[in-house]
């Protein structure tokens, strides 16, 4: 393709980021498949609760449910 250098750089960065993200997703999936279903749930909640907290709307819901989740997991979630 005959793209200006700046766009070539952006496309290259996007592809590298996307591939890295895909690799991380594959690694997480493989890891979760190796552990018990109950542990899968706890690990998933802890991982994704960090992401959810960064979103203003989801964070409000998470804060309301945090204690309930902590009790169900028998683990205090403090993020």
N, C-alpha and C. Protein backbone atom coordinates (compact mmCIF):
# COMPACT_ATOMS: atom_id res chain seq x y z
N UNK A 1 0.83 -1.18 0.00
CA UNK A 1 0.00 0.00 0.00
C UNK A 1 0.87 1.24 0.00
N UNK A 2 0.31 2.27 -0.52
CA UNK A 2 1.04 3.53 -0.58
C UNK A 2 0.44 4.50 0.43
N UNK A 3 0.66 4.21 1.71
CA UNK A 3 0.15 5.07 2.78
C UNK A 3 1.26 5.99 3.27
N UNK A 4 0.88 7.18 3.69
CA UNK A 4 1.89 8.06 4.29
C UNK A 4 2.50 7.37 5.52
N UNK A 5 3.72 7.71 5.81
CA UNK A 5 4.46 7.07 6.91
C UNK A 5 3.71 7.14 8.23
N UNK A 6 3.10 8.27 8.52
CA UNK A 6 2.40 8.42 9.80
C UNK A 6 1.27 7.39 9.92
N UNK A 7 0.57 7.12 8.82
CA UNK A 7 -0.51 6.14 8.85
C UNK A 7 0.05 4.72 8.91
N UNK A 8 1.16 4.50 8.25
CA UNK A 8 1.80 3.19 8.34
C UNK A 8 2.18 2.89 9.79
N UNK A 9 2.71 3.89 10.48
CA UNK A 9 3.09 3.73 11.88
C UNK A 9 1.87 3.44 12.75
N UNK A 10 0.79 4.16 12.50
CA UNK A 10 -0.43 3.95 13.29
C UNK A 10 -1.01 2.56 13.06
N UNK A 11 -1.02 2.13 11.81
CA UNK A 11 -1.53 0.79 11.50
C UNK A 11 -0.66 -0.27 12.15
N UNK A 12 0.66 -0.10 12.09
CA UNK A 12 1.59 -1.04 12.70
C UNK A 12 1.37 -1.12 14.20
N UNK A 13 1.24 0.04 14.88
CA UNK A 13 0.99 0.08 16.32
C UNK A 13 -0.33 -0.60 16.66
N UNK A 14 -1.36 -0.34 15.86
CA UNK A 14 -2.65 -0.96 16.11
C UNK A 14 -2.57 -2.48 16.00
N UNK A 15 -1.90 -2.96 14.97
CA UNK A 15 -1.78 -4.40 14.77
C UNK A 15 -0.98 -5.06 15.89
N UNK A 16 0.07 -4.42 16.33
CA UNK A 16 0.88 -4.95 17.43
C UNK A 16 0.04 -4.98 18.71
N UNK A 17 -0.69 -3.90 18.99
CA UNK A 17 -1.54 -3.85 20.19
C UNK A 17 -2.63 -4.91 20.13
N UNK A 18 -3.28 -5.02 18.98
CA UNK A 18 -4.37 -6.00 18.82
C UNK A 18 -3.85 -7.41 19.00
N UNK A 19 -2.71 -7.73 18.41
CA UNK A 19 -2.14 -9.07 18.55
C UNK A 19 -1.76 -9.35 19.99
N UNK A 20 -1.21 -8.35 20.67
CA UNK A 20 -0.84 -8.51 22.08
C UNK A 20 -2.07 -8.77 22.93
N UNK A 21 -3.13 -8.03 22.67
CA UNK A 21 -4.37 -8.20 23.41
C UNK A 21 -4.96 -9.59 23.15
N UNK A 22 -4.93 -10.03 21.91
CA UNK A 22 -5.45 -11.36 21.56
C UNK A 22 -4.64 -12.44 22.28
N UNK A 23 -3.34 -12.27 22.31
CA UNK A 23 -2.47 -13.23 22.98
C UNK A 23 -2.79 -13.30 24.48
N UNK A 24 -3.00 -12.14 25.09
CA UNK A 24 -3.35 -12.11 26.51
C UNK A 24 -4.69 -12.80 26.76
N UNK A 25 -5.65 -12.58 25.88
CA UNK A 25 -6.95 -13.24 26.02
C UNK A 25 -6.81 -14.76 25.91
N UNK A 26 -5.99 -15.21 24.97
CA UNK A 26 -5.77 -16.64 24.80
C UNK A 26 -5.09 -17.24 26.03
N UNK A 27 -4.12 -16.52 26.59
CA UNK A 27 -3.43 -16.99 27.79
C UNK A 27 -4.38 -17.07 28.98
N UNK A 28 -5.24 -16.06 29.13
CA UNK A 28 -6.20 -16.06 30.22
C UNK A 28 -7.18 -17.23 30.06
N UNK A 29 -7.65 -17.44 28.86
CA UNK A 29 -8.59 -18.54 28.60
C UNK A 29 -7.93 -19.88 28.95
N UNK A 30 -6.69 -20.08 28.51
CA UNK A 30 -5.97 -21.33 28.80
C UNK A 30 -5.78 -21.50 30.30
N UNK A 31 -5.43 -20.43 30.99
CA UNK A 31 -5.25 -20.49 32.43
C UNK A 31 -6.55 -20.85 33.13
N UNK A 32 -7.65 -20.19 32.75
CA UNK A 32 -8.93 -20.45 33.39
C UNK A 32 -9.40 -21.89 33.16
N UNK A 33 -9.06 -22.45 32.03
CA UNK A 33 -9.44 -23.83 31.73
C UNK A 33 -8.68 -24.83 32.60
N UNK A 34 -7.56 -24.41 33.17
CA UNK A 34 -6.75 -25.31 33.99
C UNK A 34 -7.21 -25.37 35.45
N UNK A 35 -8.01 -24.40 35.88
CA UNK A 35 -8.41 -24.36 37.28
C UNK A 35 -9.87 -24.75 37.44
N UNK A 36 -10.27 -25.00 38.67
CA UNK A 36 -11.63 -25.46 38.95
C UNK A 36 -12.65 -24.36 38.60
N UNK A 37 -13.90 -24.76 38.31
CA UNK A 37 -14.93 -23.77 37.98
C UNK A 37 -15.15 -22.72 39.07
N UNK A 38 -15.11 -23.13 40.34
CA UNK A 38 -15.32 -22.14 41.41
C UNK A 38 -14.17 -21.15 41.46
N UNK A 39 -12.96 -21.62 41.24
CA UNK A 39 -11.80 -20.73 41.22
C UNK A 39 -11.82 -19.86 39.96
N UNK A 40 -12.29 -20.40 38.85
CA UNK A 40 -12.43 -19.62 37.62
C UNK A 40 -13.31 -18.40 37.87
N UNK A 41 -14.42 -18.63 38.56
CA UNK A 41 -15.35 -17.54 38.83
C UNK A 41 -14.69 -16.47 39.69
N UNK A 42 -13.98 -16.88 40.73
CA UNK A 42 -13.34 -15.91 41.63
C UNK A 42 -12.25 -15.12 40.90
N UNK A 43 -11.43 -15.81 40.14
CA UNK A 43 -10.36 -15.14 39.39
C UNK A 43 -10.96 -14.16 38.38
N UNK A 44 -11.99 -14.59 37.69
CA UNK A 44 -12.63 -13.72 36.69
C UNK A 44 -13.21 -12.47 37.34
N UNK A 45 -13.86 -12.65 38.46
CA UNK A 45 -14.44 -11.50 39.16
C UNK A 45 -13.34 -10.52 39.56
N UNK A 46 -12.25 -11.02 40.11
CA UNK A 46 -11.17 -10.13 40.53
C UNK A 46 -10.52 -9.42 39.35
N UNK A 47 -10.30 -10.14 38.27
CA UNK A 47 -9.67 -9.52 37.08
C UNK A 47 -10.59 -8.46 36.48
N UNK A 48 -11.84 -8.84 36.25
CA UNK A 48 -12.73 -7.93 35.54
C UNK A 48 -13.29 -6.82 36.43
N UNK A 49 -13.25 -7.00 37.74
CA UNK A 49 -13.71 -5.92 38.61
C UNK A 49 -12.79 -4.72 38.50
N UNK A 50 -11.52 -4.96 38.26
CA UNK A 50 -10.58 -3.85 38.08
C UNK A 50 -10.92 -3.06 36.83
N UNK A 51 -11.30 -3.76 35.77
CA UNK A 51 -11.67 -3.10 34.52
C UNK A 51 -12.98 -2.35 34.70
N UNK A 52 -13.93 -2.99 35.35
CA UNK A 52 -15.25 -2.39 35.57
C UNK A 52 -15.14 -1.11 36.38
N UNK A 53 -14.26 -1.08 37.34
CA UNK A 53 -14.11 0.11 38.18
C UNK A 53 -13.66 1.32 37.38
N UNK A 54 -13.00 1.11 36.27
CA UNK A 54 -12.52 2.23 35.47
C UNK A 54 -13.65 2.91 34.69
N UNK A 55 -14.78 2.21 34.52
CA UNK A 55 -15.92 2.75 33.82
C UNK A 55 -16.86 3.37 34.85
N UNK A 56 -17.16 4.65 34.70
CA UNK A 56 -17.94 5.40 35.69
C UNK A 56 -19.29 4.75 35.98
N UNK A 57 -20.03 4.35 34.97
CA UNK A 57 -21.36 3.77 35.17
C UNK A 57 -21.26 2.39 35.81
N UNK A 58 -20.39 1.54 35.25
CA UNK A 58 -20.24 0.20 35.81
C UNK A 58 -19.68 0.25 37.22
N UNK A 59 -18.86 1.25 37.50
CA UNK A 59 -18.27 1.36 38.83
C UNK A 59 -19.35 1.54 39.90
N UNK A 60 -20.36 2.33 39.60
CA UNK A 60 -21.45 2.52 40.57
C UNK A 60 -22.14 1.20 40.88
N UNK A 61 -22.42 0.41 39.84
CA UNK A 61 -23.05 -0.89 40.04
C UNK A 61 -22.12 -1.80 40.84
N UNK A 62 -20.84 -1.80 40.47
CA UNK A 62 -19.87 -2.64 41.17
C UNK A 62 -19.79 -2.28 42.65
N UNK A 63 -19.76 -1.00 42.95
CA UNK A 63 -19.67 -0.58 44.36
C UNK A 63 -20.88 -1.07 45.14
N UNK A 64 -22.05 -1.07 44.50
CA UNK A 64 -23.26 -1.55 45.17
C UNK A 64 -23.22 -3.06 45.41
N UNK A 65 -22.55 -3.80 44.54
CA UNK A 65 -22.52 -5.26 44.62
C UNK A 65 -21.24 -5.81 45.25
N UNK A 66 -20.28 -4.94 45.55
CA UNK A 66 -18.97 -5.38 46.03
C UNK A 66 -19.06 -6.23 47.29
N UNK A 67 -19.83 -5.79 48.26
CA UNK A 67 -19.93 -6.55 49.52
C UNK A 67 -20.56 -7.91 49.28
N UNK A 68 -21.61 -7.94 48.45
CA UNK A 68 -22.27 -9.21 48.13
C UNK A 68 -21.29 -10.17 47.45
N UNK A 69 -20.50 -9.65 46.51
CA UNK A 69 -19.51 -10.48 45.83
C UNK A 69 -18.44 -10.97 46.81
N UNK A 70 -17.99 -10.08 47.68
CA UNK A 70 -16.97 -10.44 48.66
C UNK A 70 -17.44 -11.59 49.54
N UNK A 71 -18.69 -11.51 50.00
CA UNK A 71 -19.24 -12.57 50.85
C UNK A 71 -19.35 -13.88 50.07
N UNK A 72 -19.83 -13.81 48.84
CA UNK A 72 -19.99 -15.02 48.03
C UNK A 72 -18.65 -15.68 47.74
N UNK A 73 -17.60 -14.87 47.59
CA UNK A 73 -16.28 -15.40 47.27
C UNK A 73 -15.48 -15.75 48.52
N UNK A 74 -15.98 -15.31 49.68
CA UNK A 74 -15.24 -15.49 50.93
C UNK A 74 -13.87 -14.80 50.82
N UNK A 75 -13.88 -13.64 50.21
CA UNK A 75 -12.66 -12.87 49.98
C UNK A 75 -13.06 -11.40 49.90
N UNK A 76 -12.41 -10.55 50.65
CA UNK A 76 -12.73 -9.12 50.63
C UNK A 76 -12.12 -8.46 49.40
N UNK A 77 -12.97 -7.92 48.55
CA UNK A 77 -12.50 -7.23 47.35
C UNK A 77 -12.20 -5.79 47.71
N UNK A 78 -10.96 -5.41 47.61
CA UNK A 78 -10.55 -4.03 47.88
C UNK A 78 -9.71 -3.56 46.72
N UNK A 79 -10.33 -2.75 45.89
CA UNK A 79 -9.61 -2.24 44.71
C UNK A 79 -9.51 -0.75 44.76
